[in-house]
Structure formats: C-alpha cells, structure tokens
PDB file of N, CA and C in Angstrom:
ATOM      1  N   MET A   1      40.353  22.306-104.315  1.00  0.00           N
ATOM      2  CA  MET A   1      40.486  20.994-105.113  1.00  0.00           C
ATOM      3  C   MET A   1      39.757  20.566-105.996  1.00  0.00           C
ATOM      4  N   PRO A   2      40.250  19.610-106.794  1.00  0.00           N
ATOM      5  CA  PRO A   2      39.562  19.308-108.084  1.00  0.00           C
ATOM      6  C   PRO A   2      38.238  18.339-107.369  1.00  0.00           C
ATOM      7  N   PHE A   3      37.319  18.156-108.350  1.00  0.00           N
ATOM      8  CA  PHE A   3      36.352  17.195-108.174  1.00  0.00           C
ATOM      9  C   PHE A   3      35.885  16.064-109.193  1.00  0.00           C
ATOM     10  N   ILE A   4      35.778  15.102-108.719  1.00  0.00           N
ATOM     11  CA  ILE A   4      35.341  14.000-109.242  1.00  0.00           C
ATOM     12  C   ILE A   4      33.893  13.869-109.473  1.00  0.00           C
ATOM     13  N   ILE A   5      33.496  13.555-110.518  1.00  0.00           N
ATOM     14  CA  ILE A   5      32.204  13.074-111.358  1.00  0.00           C
ATOM     15  C   ILE A   5      32.367  11.634-111.474  1.00  0.00           C
ATOM     16  N   LEU A   6      30.974  11.158-110.995  1.00  0.00           N
ATOM     17  CA  LEU A   6      31.121   9.604-111.244  1.00  0.00           C
ATOM     18  C   LEU A   6      29.916   9.320-111.334  1.00  0.00           C
ATOM     19  N   ALA A   7      29.550   9.299-112.602  1.00  0.00           N
ATOM     20  CA  ALA A   7      27.912   9.003-112.845  1.00  0.00           C
ATOM     21  C   ALA A   7      27.644   7.610-113.390  1.00  0.00           C
ATOM     22  N   HIS A   8      26.728   6.776-113.149  1.00  0.00           N
ATOM     23  CA  HIS A   8      26.387   5.735-113.910  1.00  0.00           C
ATOM     24  C   HIS A   8      25.197   5.723-114.569  1.00  0.00           C
ATOM     25  N   ASP A   9      24.681   4.856-115.410  1.00  0.00           N
ATOM     26  CA  ASP A   9      24.034   4.930-116.719  1.00  0.00           C
ATOM     27  C   ASP A   9      22.527   4.524-115.858  1.00  0.00           C
ATOM     28  N   LYS A  10      21.664   4.702-116.436  1.00  0.00           N
ATOM     29  CA  LYS A  10      20.562   3.808-115.910  1.00  0.00           C
ATOM     30  C   LYS A  10      19.958   2.762-116.371  1.00  0.00           C
ATOM     31  N   PRO A  11      19.687   1.436-115.880  1.00  0.00           N
ATOM     32  CA  PRO A  11      19.263   0.258-116.714  1.00  0.00           C
ATOM     33  C   PRO A  11      18.757   0.631-117.906  1.00  0.00           C
ATOM     34  N   ASN A  12      19.159  -0.250-118.717  1.00  0.00           N
ATOM     35  CA  ASN A  12      18.634  -0.117-120.108  1.00  0.00           C
ATOM     36  C   ASN A  12      18.817   1.243-120.793  1.00  0.00           C
ATOM     37  N   SER A  13      19.997   1.822-120.646  1.00  0.00           N
ATOM     38  CA  SER A  13      19.862   3.098-121.328  1.00  0.00           C
ATOM     39  C   SER A  13      20.690   3.145-122.677  1.00  0.00           C
ATOM     40  N   GLU A  14      21.088   1.766-122.965  1.00  0.00           N
ATOM     41  CA  GLU A  14      22.313   1.725-124.002  1.00  0.00           C
ATOM     42  C   GLU A  14      21.827   2.544-125.468  1.00  0.00           C
ATOM     43  N   ARG A  15      20.547   2.458-125.758  1.00  0.00           N
ATOM     44  CA  ARG A  15      20.050   2.737-126.973  1.00  0.00           C
ATOM     45  C   ARG A  15      20.299   4.527-126.969  1.00  0.00           C
ATOM     46  N   LEU A  16      19.729   4.882-125.854  1.00  0.00           N
ATOM     47  CA  LEU A  16      19.774   6.416-125.067  1.00  0.00           C
ATOM     48  C   LEU A  16      21.224   6.800-125.636  1.00  0.00           C
ATOM     49  N   ARG A  17      22.202   6.335-125.019  1.00  0.00           N
ATOM     50  CA  ARG A  17      23.594   6.386-124.637  1.00  0.00           C
ATOM     51  C   ARG A  17      24.189   6.981-126.129  1.00  0.00           C
ATOM     52  N   ALA A  18      23.502   5.852-127.250  1.00  0.00           N
ATOM     53  CA  ALA A  18      23.932   5.785-128.477  1.00  0.00           C
ATOM     54  C   ALA A  18      23.661   6.959-129.353  1.00  0.00           C
ATOM     55  N   LYS A  19      22.776   7.387-128.946  1.00  0.00           N
ATOM     56  CA  LYS A  19      21.638   8.554-129.303  1.00  0.00           C
ATOM     57  C   LYS A  19      22.194   9.637-129.334  1.00  0.00           C
ATOM     58  N   LEU A  20      22.796   9.791-127.726  1.00  0.00           N
ATOM     59  CA  LEU A  20      23.250  11.205-127.193  1.00  0.00           C
ATOM     60  C   LEU A  20      24.688  11.215-127.323  1.00  0.00           C
ATOM     61  N   ARG A  21      25.386  10.036-127.489  1.00  0.00           N
ATOM     62  CA  ARG A  21      27.022  10.138-127.652  1.00  0.00           C
ATOM     63  C   ARG A  21      27.503  11.424-128.404  1.00  0.00           C
ATOM     64  N   SER A  22      27.279  11.729-129.605  1.00  0.00           N
ATOM     65  CA  SER A  22      28.132  12.673-130.289  1.00  0.00           C
ATOM     66  C   SER A  22      27.446  14.098-129.710  1.00  0.00           C
ATOM     67  N   GLU A  23      26.467  14.291-129.042  1.00  0.00           N
ATOM     68  CA  GLU A  23      26.223  15.689-128.742  1.00  0.00           C
ATOM     69  C   GLU A  23      26.990  15.622-127.015  1.00  0.00           C
ATOM     70  N   HIS A  24      26.966  14.363-126.533  1.00  0.00           N
ATOM     71  CA  HIS A  24      27.854  14.382-125.290  1.00  0.00           C
ATOM     72  C   HIS A  24      29.073  14.723-125.448  1.00  0.00           C
ATOM     73  N   LEU A  25      29.690  14.006-126.155  1.00  0.00           N
ATOM     74  CA  LEU A  25      31.334  14.327-126.706  1.00  0.00           C
ATOM     75  C   LEU A  25      31.347  15.632-127.383  1.00  0.00           C
ATOM     76  N   ALA A  26      30.474  16.261-127.995  1.00  0.00           N
ATOM     77  CA  ALA A  26      30.702  17.830-128.331  1.00  0.00           C
ATOM     78  C   ALA A  26      30.722  18.627-127.159  1.00  0.00           C
ATOM     79  N   TYR A  27      29.662  18.272-126.231  1.00  0.00           N
ATOM     80  CA  TYR A  27      29.971  18.985-124.838  1.00  0.00           C
ATOM     81  C   TYR A  27      31.105  19.039-124.116  1.00  0.00           C
ATOM     82  N   LEU A  28      31.745  17.709-124.106  1.00  0.00           N
ATOM     83  CA  LEU A  28      32.603  17.812-123.376  1.00  0.00           C
ATOM     84  C   LEU A  28      34.338  18.351-124.022  1.00  0.00           C
ATOM     85  N   SER A  29      33.874  18.357-125.553  1.00  0.00           N
ATOM     86  CA  SER A  29      34.834  19.117-126.239  1.00  0.00           C
ATOM     87  C   SER A  29      34.769  20.507-125.894  1.00  0.00           C
ATOM     88  N   ALA A  30      33.853  20.914-125.756  1.00  0.00           N
ATOM     89  CA  ALA A  30      33.869  22.237-125.609  1.00  0.00           C
ATOM     90  C   ALA A  30      34.318  22.924-124.249  1.00  0.00           C
ATOM     91  N   ARG A  31      34.404  21.736-123.350  1.00  0.00           N
ATOM     92  CA  ARG A  31      34.843  22.246-122.087  1.00  0.00           C
ATOM     93  C   ARG A  31      35.662  21.709-121.771  1.00  0.00           C
ATOM     94  N   LYS A  32      36.959  20.993-122.566  1.00  0.00           N
ATOM     95  CA  LYS A  32      38.003  20.269-122.405  1.00  0.00           C
ATOM     96  C   LYS A  32      38.995  20.933-121.547  1.00  0.00           C
ATOM     97  N   GLY A  33      39.092  22.426-121.416  1.00  0.00           N
ATOM     98  CA  GLY A  33      40.025  23.039-120.835  1.00  0.00           C
ATOM     99  C   GLY A  33      39.587  23.078-119.190  1.00  0.00           C
ATOM    100  N   GLN A  34      38.467  22.572-118.705  1.00  0.00           N
ATOM    101  CA  GLN A  34      38.018  22.323-117.317  1.00  0.00           C
ATOM    102  C   GLN A  34      38.114  21.025-116.741  1.00  0.00           C
ATOM    103  N   MET A  35      38.592  20.224-117.609  1.00  0.00           N
ATOM    104  CA  MET A  35      38.663  18.848-117.379  1.00  0.00           C
ATOM    105  C   MET A  35      40.468  18.416-117.131  1.00  0.00           C
ATOM    106  N   LEU A  36      40.361  17.638-116.304  1.00  0.00           N
ATOM    107  CA  LEU A  36      41.897  16.842-116.109  1.00  0.00           C
ATOM    108  C   LEU A  36      41.936  15.744-116.479  1.00  0.00           C
ATOM    109  N   ALA A  37      40.683  14.985-116.513  1.00  0.00           N
ATOM    110  CA  ALA A  37      40.657  13.326-117.033  1.00  0.00           C
ATOM    111  C   ALA A  37      39.120  13.253-117.514  1.00  0.00           C
ATOM    112  N   GLY A  38      39.013  12.566-118.236  1.00  0.00           N
ATOM    113  CA  GLY A  38      37.550  11.874-118.256  1.00  0.00           C
ATOM    114  C   GLY A  38      37.507  10.659-119.079  1.00  0.00           C
ATOM    115  N   GLY A  39      36.362   9.866-118.826  1.00  0.00           N
ATOM    116  CA  GLY A  39      36.076   8.504-119.833  1.00  0.00           C
ATOM    117  C   GLY A  39      34.961   7.813-119.474  1.00  0.00           C
ATOM    118  N   ALA A  40      34.717   6.410-120.292  1.00  0.00           N
ATOM    119  CA  ALA A  40      33.419   5.968-119.901  1.00  0.00           C
ATOM    120  C   ALA A  40      34.141   4.826-118.779  1.00  0.00           C
ATOM    121  N   LEU A  41      32.880   4.504-118.002  1.00  0.00           N
ATOM    122  CA  LEU A  41      33.228   3.372-117.133  1.00  0.00           C
ATOM    123  C   LEU A  41      32.881   2.170-117.715  1.00  0.00           C
ATOM    124  N   LEU A  42      33.534   1.202-117.607  1.00  0.00           N
ATOM    125  CA  LEU A  42      33.143   0.073-118.744  1.00  0.00           C
ATOM    126  C   LEU A  42      32.650  -1.227-117.581  1.00  0.00           C
ATOM    127  N   ASP A  43      32.184  -2.259-118.172  1.00  0.00           N
ATOM    128  CA  ASP A  43      31.784  -3.117-117.160  1.00  0.00           C
ATOM    129  C   ASP A  43      32.997  -4.627-117.937  1.00  0.00           C
ATOM    130  N   GLN A  44      32.619  -5.489-117.274  1.00  0.00           N
ATOM    131  CA  GLN A  44      33.744  -6.684-117.489  1.00  0.00           C
ATOM    132  C   GLN A  44      33.370  -6.931-118.946  1.00  0.00           C
ATOM    133  N   ASP A  45      32.992  -6.734-119.835  1.00  0.00           N
ATOM    134  CA  ASP A  45      32.142  -7.031-121.110  1.00  0.00           C
ATOM    135  C   ASP A  45      32.814  -6.044-122.080  1.00  0.00           C
ATOM    136  N   GLY A  46      33.264  -4.707-121.248  1.00  0.00           N
ATOM    137  CA  GLY A  46      33.822  -3.545-122.350  1.00  0.00           C
ATOM    138  C   GLY A  46      32.532  -2.671-122.559  1.00  0.00           C
ATOM    139  N   LYS A  47      31.280  -2.811-121.877  1.00  0.00           N
ATOM    140  CA  LYS A  47      30.209  -2.124-122.528  1.00  0.00           C
ATOM    141  C   LYS A  47      30.032  -0.878-121.706  1.00  0.00           C
ATOM    142  N   SER A  48      29.868   0.434-121.989  1.00  0.00           N
ATOM    143  CA  SER A  48      29.760   1.320-121.140  1.00  0.00           C
ATOM    144  C   SER A  48      28.528   1.610-120.275  1.00  0.00           C
ATOM    145  N   ILE A  49      28.757   1.775-119.053  1.00  0.00           N
ATOM    146  CA  ILE A  49      27.810   2.041-117.926  1.00  0.00           C
ATOM    147  C   ILE A  49      27.914   3.141-117.137  1.00  0.00           C
ATOM    148  N   GLY A  50      28.498   3.889-117.675  1.00  0.00           N
ATOM    149  CA  GLY A  50      28.415   5.224-116.985  1.00  0.00           C
ATOM    150  C   GLY A  50      30.143   6.025-117.124  1.00  0.00           C
ATOM    151  N   GLY A  51      30.477   6.992-116.640  1.00  0.00           N
ATOM    152  CA  GLY A  51      31.401   7.560-116.781  1.00  0.00           C
ATOM    153  C   GLY A  51      32.118   8.590-115.675  1.00  0.00           C
ATOM    154  N   LEU A  52      33.390   8.969-115.856  1.00  0.00           N
ATOM    155  CA  LEU A  52      33.956   9.503-114.949  1.00  0.00           C
ATOM    156  C   LEU A  52      34.499  10.760-115.511  1.00  0.00           C
ATOM    157  N   ILE A  53      34.723  11.989-114.649  1.00  0.00           N
ATOM    158  CA  ILE A  53      35.419  13.322-115.050  1.00  0.00           C
ATOM    159  C   ILE A  53      36.120  13.592-113.942  1.00  0.00           C
ATOM    160  N   ILE A  54      37.345  14.209-113.980  1.00  0.00           N
ATOM    161  CA  ILE A  54      37.728  14.977-112.939  1.00  0.00           C
ATOM    162  C   ILE A  54      37.882  16.482-113.673  1.00  0.00           C
ATOM    163  N   ILE A  55      37.007  17.132-112.664  1.00  0.00           N
ATOM    164  CA  ILE A  55      37.089  18.394-113.050  1.00  0.00           C
ATOM    165  C   ILE A  55      38.020  19.346-112.221  1.00  0.00           C
ATOM    166  N   ASP A  56      38.777  20.244-112.910  1.00  0.00           N
ATOM    167  CA  ASP A  56      39.646  21.205-112.142  1.00  0.00           C
ATOM    168  C   ASP A  56      38.761  22.693-111.738  1.00  0.00           C
ATOM    169  N   THR A  57      38.235  22.352-110.497  1.00  0.00           N
ATOM    170  CA  THR A  57      37.483  23.735-109.948  1.00  0.00           C
ATOM    171  C   THR A  57      37.469  23.356-108.354  1.00  0.00           C
ATOM    172  N   GLU A  58      37.581  24.551-107.920  1.00  0.00           N
ATOM    173  CA  GLU A  58      37.360  24.508-106.509  1.00  0.00           C
ATOM    174  C   GLU A  58      36.088  24.939-106.055  1.00  0.00           C
ATOM    175  N   ASP A  59      35.007  25.118-107.006  1.00  0.00           N
ATOM    176  CA  ASP A  59      33.702  24.938-107.073  1.00  0.00           C
ATOM    177  C   ASP A  59      32.672  24.092-106.949  1.00  0.00           C
ATOM    178  N   ARG A  60      32.368  23.789-105.616  1.00  0.00           N
ATOM    179  CA  ARG A  60      31.234  22.079-106.147  1.00  0.00           C
ATOM    180  C   ARG A  60      30.199  22.559-107.084  1.00  0.00           C
ATOM    181  N   ALA A  61      29.959  23.722-106.802  1.00  0.00           N
ATOM    182  CA  ALA A  61      28.451  24.313-107.472  1.00  0.00           C
ATOM    183  C   ALA A  61      29.116  24.262-109.277  1.00  0.00           C
ATOM    184  N   ALA A  62      30.233  24.632-109.269  1.00  0.00           N
ATOM    185  CA  ALA A  62      30.491  24.418-111.069  1.00  0.00           C
ATOM    186  C   ALA A  62      30.524  22.998-111.360  1.00  0.00           C
ATOM    187  N   ALA A  63      30.899  22.094-110.535  1.00  0.00           N
ATOM    188  CA  ALA A  63      30.942  20.604-110.678  1.00  0.00           C
ATOM    189  C   ALA A  63      29.965  20.262-110.785  1.00  0.00           C
ATOM    190  N   GLU A  64      28.597  20.492-110.139  1.00  0.00           N
ATOM    191  CA  GLU A  64      27.208  20.259-110.518  1.00  0.00           C
ATOM    192  C   GLU A  64      26.766  20.823-111.669  1.00  0.00           C
ATOM    193  N   ARG A  65      26.996  22.121-111.572  1.00  0.00           N
ATOM    194  CA  ARG A  65      26.586  22.569-113.074  1.00  0.00           C
ATOM    195  C   ARG A  65      26.952  21.887-114.370  1.00  0.00           C
ATOM    196  N   PHE A  66      28.452  21.449-114.289  1.00  0.00           N
ATOM    197  CA  PHE A  66      29.057  20.843-115.362  1.00  0.00           C
ATOM    198  C   PHE A  66      28.463  19.601-115.350  1.00  0.00           C
ATOM    199  N   VAL A  67      28.309  18.754-114.850  1.00  0.00           N
ATOM    200  CA  VAL A  67      27.604  17.197-115.146  1.00  0.00           C
ATOM    201  C   VAL A  67      25.848  17.477-115.039  1.00  0.00           C
ATOM    202  N   GLY A  68      25.337  18.897-114.479  1.00  0.00           N
ATOM    203  CA  GLY A  68      23.820  18.714-114.780  1.00  0.00           C
ATOM    204  C   GLY A  68      23.429  19.478-116.144  1.00  0.00           C
ATOM    205  N   GLU A  69      24.497  19.841-116.795  1.00  0.00           N
ATOM    206  CA  GLU A  69      24.170  20.417-118.022  1.00  0.00           C
ATOM    207  C   GLU A  69      24.731  19.276-119.221  1.00  0.00           C
ATOM    208  N   ASP A  70      25.236  18.344-119.004  1.00  0.00           N
ATOM    209  CA  ASP A  70      25.916  17.377-119.861  1.00  0.00           C
ATOM    210  C   ASP A  70      24.836  16.476-120.452  1.00  0.00           C
ATOM    211  N   PRO A  71      24.388  16.298-121.692  1.00  0.00           N
ATOM    212  CA  PRO A  71      23.495  15.868-122.564  1.00  0.00           C
ATOM    213  C   PRO A  71      23.097  14.315-122.093  1.00  0.00           C
ATOM    214  N   PHE A  72      24.128  13.603-121.481  1.00  0.00           N
ATOM    215  CA  PHE A  72      23.638  12.534-120.925  1.00  0.00           C
ATOM    216  C   PHE A  72      23.141  12.761-119.741  1.00  0.00           C
ATOM    217  N   THR A  73      22.985  13.513-119.098  1.00  0.00           N
ATOM    218  CA  THR A  73      22.177  13.768-117.573  1.00  0.00           C
ATOM    219  C   THR A  73      20.776  14.696-117.985  1.00  0.00           C
ATOM    220  N   THR A  74      20.918  15.600-118.894  1.00  0.00           N
ATOM    221  CA  THR A  74      19.625  16.101-119.560  1.00  0.00           C
ATOM    222  C   THR A  74      18.895  15.263-120.111  1.00  0.00           C
ATOM    223  N   GLY A  75      19.275  14.280-121.018  1.00  0.00           N
ATOM    224  CA  GLY A  75      18.848  13.373-121.918  1.00  0.00           C
ATOM    225  C   GLY A  75      18.348  12.302-121.022  1.00  0.00           C
ATOM    226  N   GLY A  76      18.785  12.011-119.984  1.00  0.00           N
ATOM    227  CA  GLY A  76      18.110  10.802-119.395  1.00  0.00           C
ATOM    228  C   GLY A  76      19.051   9.371-119.023  1.00  0.00           C
ATOM    229  N   VAL A  77      20.255   9.490-119.475  1.00  0.00           N
ATOM    230  CA  VAL A  77      21.312   8.500-119.631  1.00  0.00           C
ATOM    231  C   VAL A  77      21.911   8.272-118.255  1.00  0.00           C
ATOM    232  N   PHE A  78      22.291   9.342-117.350  1.00  0.00           N
ATOM    233  CA  PHE A  78      22.795   9.169-116.247  1.00  0.00           C
ATOM    234  C   PHE A  78      21.797   8.818-115.251  1.00  0.00           C
ATOM    235  N   GLY A  79      21.852   8.133-114.139  1.00  0.00           N
ATOM    236  CA  GLY A  79      21.239   8.067-113.193  1.00  0.00           C
ATOM    237  C   GLY A  79      22.023   8.481-111.796  1.00  0.00           C
ATOM    238  N   ALA A  80      22.453   7.546-111.117  1.00  0.00           N
ATOM    239  CA  ALA A  80      23.027   7.981-109.982  1.00  0.00           C
ATOM    240  C   ALA A  80      24.267   8.943-110.259  1.00  0.00           C
ATOM    241  N   ILE A  81      24.451   9.976-109.585  1.00  0.00           N
ATOM    242  CA  ILE A  81      25.575  10.561-109.811  1.00  0.00           C
ATOM    243  C   ILE A  81      25.918  11.197-108.425  1.00  0.00           C
ATOM    244  N   GLN A  82      27.783  10.981-108.582  1.00  0.00           N
ATOM    245  CA  GLN A  82      28.230  11.292-107.158  1.00  0.00           C
ATOM    246  C   GLN A  82      29.353  12.417-107.534  1.00  0.00           C
ATOM    247  N   ILE A  83      29.434  13.402-106.522  1.00  0.00           N
ATOM    248  CA  ILE A  83      30.294  14.555-107.284  1.00  0.00           C
ATOM    249  C   ILE A  83      31.524  14.374-105.731  1.00  0.00           C
ATOM    250  N   LEU A  84      32.403  14.023-105.841  1.00  0.00           N
ATOM    251  CA  LEU A  84      33.388  13.740-104.809  1.00  0.00           C
ATOM    252  C   LEU A  84      34.753  14.801-104.627  1.00  0.00           C
ATOM    253  N   THR A  85      35.135  15.506-103.672  1.00  0.00           N
ATOM    254  CA  THR A  85      36.425  16.443-103.615  1.00  0.00           C
ATOM    255  C   THR A  85      37.593  15.422-103.872  1.00  0.00           C
ATOM    256  N   TRP A  86      38.504  15.788-104.835  1.00  0.00           N
ATOM    257  CA  TRP A  86      39.603  14.716-105.076  1.00  0.00           C
ATOM    258  C   TRP A  86      40.974  15.553-104.794  1.00  0.00           C
ATOM    259  N   ARG A  87      41.928  15.127-103.348  1.00  0.00           N
ATOM    260  CA  ARG A  87      42.888  15.860-103.097  1.00  0.00           C
ATOM    261  C   ARG A  87      43.952  14.873-104.111  1.00  0.00           C
ATOM    262  N   LYS A  88      44.816  15.858-105.079  1.00  0.00           N
ATOM    263  CA  LYS A  88      45.749  14.969-105.744  1.00  0.00           C
ATOM    264  C   LYS A  88      47.220  14.519-105.149  1.00  0.00           C
ATOM    265  N   THR A  89      47.398  13.384-104.573  1.00  0.00           N
ATOM    266  CA  THR A  89      48.724  12.826-103.814  1.00  0.00           C
ATOM    267  C   THR A  89      49.616  12.360-105.238  1.00  0.00           C
ATOM    268  N   PHE A  90      48.832  12.276-106.273  1.00  0.00           N
ATOM    269  CA  PHE A  90      49.769  11.716-107.531  1.00  0.00           C
ATOM    270  C   PHE A  90      48.843  11.951-108.678  1.00  0.00           C
ATOM    271  N   PHE A  91      50.107  12.561-109.563  1.00  0.00           N
ATOM    272  CA  PHE A  91      49.393  13.473-110.855  1.00  0.00           C
ATOM    273  C   PHE A  91      50.233  13.271-112.056  1.00  0.00           C
ATOM    274  N   ASP A  92      49.701  12.819-113.063  1.00  0.00           N
ATOM    275  CA  ASP A  92      50.572  12.588-114.205  1.00  0.00           C
ATOM    276  C   ASP A  92      52.097  12.009-114.100  1.00  0.00           C
ATOM    277  N   ARG A  93      52.105  10.682-113.075  1.00  0.00           N
ATOM    278  CA  ARG A  93      53.115   9.912-112.637  1.00  0.00           C
ATOM    279  C   ARG A  93      54.213  10.908-111.934  1.00  0.00           C
ATOM    280  N   GLN A  94      53.607  11.517-111.426  1.00  0.00           N
ATOM    281  CA  GLN A  94      54.455  12.819-110.172  1.00  0.00           C
ATOM    282  C   GLN A  94      53.528  12.627-108.972  1.00  0.00           C
ATOM    283  N   ARG A  95      54.616  12.713-107.673  1.00  0.00           N
ATOM    284  CA  ARG A  95      53.784  12.647-106.411  1.00  0.00           C
ATOM    285  C   ARG A  95      53.777  14.113-106.039  1.00  0.00           C
ATOM    286  N   ILE A  96      52.788  14.813-105.801  1.00  0.00           N
ATOM    287  CA  ILE A  96      52.586  15.955-105.480  1.00  0.00           C
ATOM    288  C   ILE A  96      52.491  16.346-103.942  1.00  0.00           C
ATOM    289  N   PRO A  97      53.481  17.223-103.599  1.00  0.00           N
ATOM    290  CA  PRO A  97      53.591  17.609-102.582  1.00  0.00           C
ATOM    291  C   PRO A  97      52.569  18.287-101.868  1.00  0.00           C
ATOM    292  N   ILE A  98      52.084  18.075-100.826  1.00  0.00           N
ATOM    293  CA  ILE A  98      50.691  18.372 -99.871  1.00  0.00           C
ATOM    294  C   ILE A  98      51.498  19.182 -98.718  1.00  0.00           C
ATOM    295  N   GLU A  99      51.439  20.467 -98.466  1.00  0.00           N
ATOM    296  CA  GLU A  99      51.699  21.516 -97.613  1.00  0.00           C
ATOM    297  C   GLU A  99      51.559  20.626 -96.016  1.00  0.00           C
ATOM    298  N   GLY A 100      52.446  20.466 -95.248  1.00  0.00           N
ATOM    299  CA  GLY A 100      52.742  20.150 -93.912  1.00  0.00           C
ATOM    300  C   GLY A 100      53.021  18.711 -93.980  1.00  0.00           C
ATOM    301  N   ARG A 101      53.043  17.939 -95.142  1.00  0.00           N
ATOM    302  CA  ARG A 101      53.600  16.837 -95.529  1.00  0.00           C
ATOM    303  C   ARG A 101      54.788  16.292 -96.113  1.00  0.00           C
ATOM    304  N   PRO A 102      55.546  15.384 -95.615  1.00  0.00           N
ATOM    305  CA  PRO A 102      56.820  14.916 -96.562  1.00  0.00           C
ATOM    306  C   PRO A 102      56.330  14.661 -97.656  1.00  0.00           C
ATOM    307  N   SER A 103      57.405  15.288 -98.814  1.00  0.00           N
ATOM    308  CA  SER A 103      57.288  14.707-100.214  1.00  0.00           C
ATOM    309  C   SER A 103      57.491  13.525-100.563  1.00  0.00           C
ATOM    310  N   SER A 104      58.445  12.739-100.023  1.00  0.00           N
ATOM    311  CA  SER A 104      59.060  11.377-100.437  1.00  0.00           C
ATOM    312  C   SER A 104      58.006  10.268-100.215  1.00  0.00           C
TER     313      SER A 104
END
C-alpha cells in the first residue's frame, strides 16, 4: 500500500522554507517517479504550513528515508511528521476495486 507523508512546518520557519525551497523542489523532482502526488499544505491565508506527499512504495522504511533525506527535514523546516499507510479506494477519478469487496 502507498504511504502518505504528512509534514508540518516548525513555527516561524517561513524564512528557512523560502531559503531551502529550490533545493527541496530539486529533491522531489529527482524522485518524481516515486510519488503519486505531492504539494504544500496551506493555511486559510494561503501561506505554506507543511507538505503532503503520497509515495508509491510498499516499504515503510523507504517512506521514512524519503522524508528523512528531504532538505526541508534535514534543514529544519519540517517539525512534526506523520507517515500513514493509505489504501486507495478512489484514485485518478476512478474507484479502485479491493479484493473481497464489491466494486460498485
């Protein structure tokens, strides 16, 4: 099953986020084949407060390495990080049949 990486920025990390953004995006671009989706989490004013990545792996350790080596993690932007297993039920506007369960 894929994993969701949910990362929240540390308080007052806006400057550090801006400084490391290009390095973070280059890191993600080099690994885009591993990702199903990704993007910034925004507050109600549109300010980045974290990120979400859905990584296509069956290996939790790979998801941990992925976020652990991200420049936003190593550089101190990300604080609280959750790694959650994700069971696809809907993906790319389609219902995903799950073995043993009706697909309608």
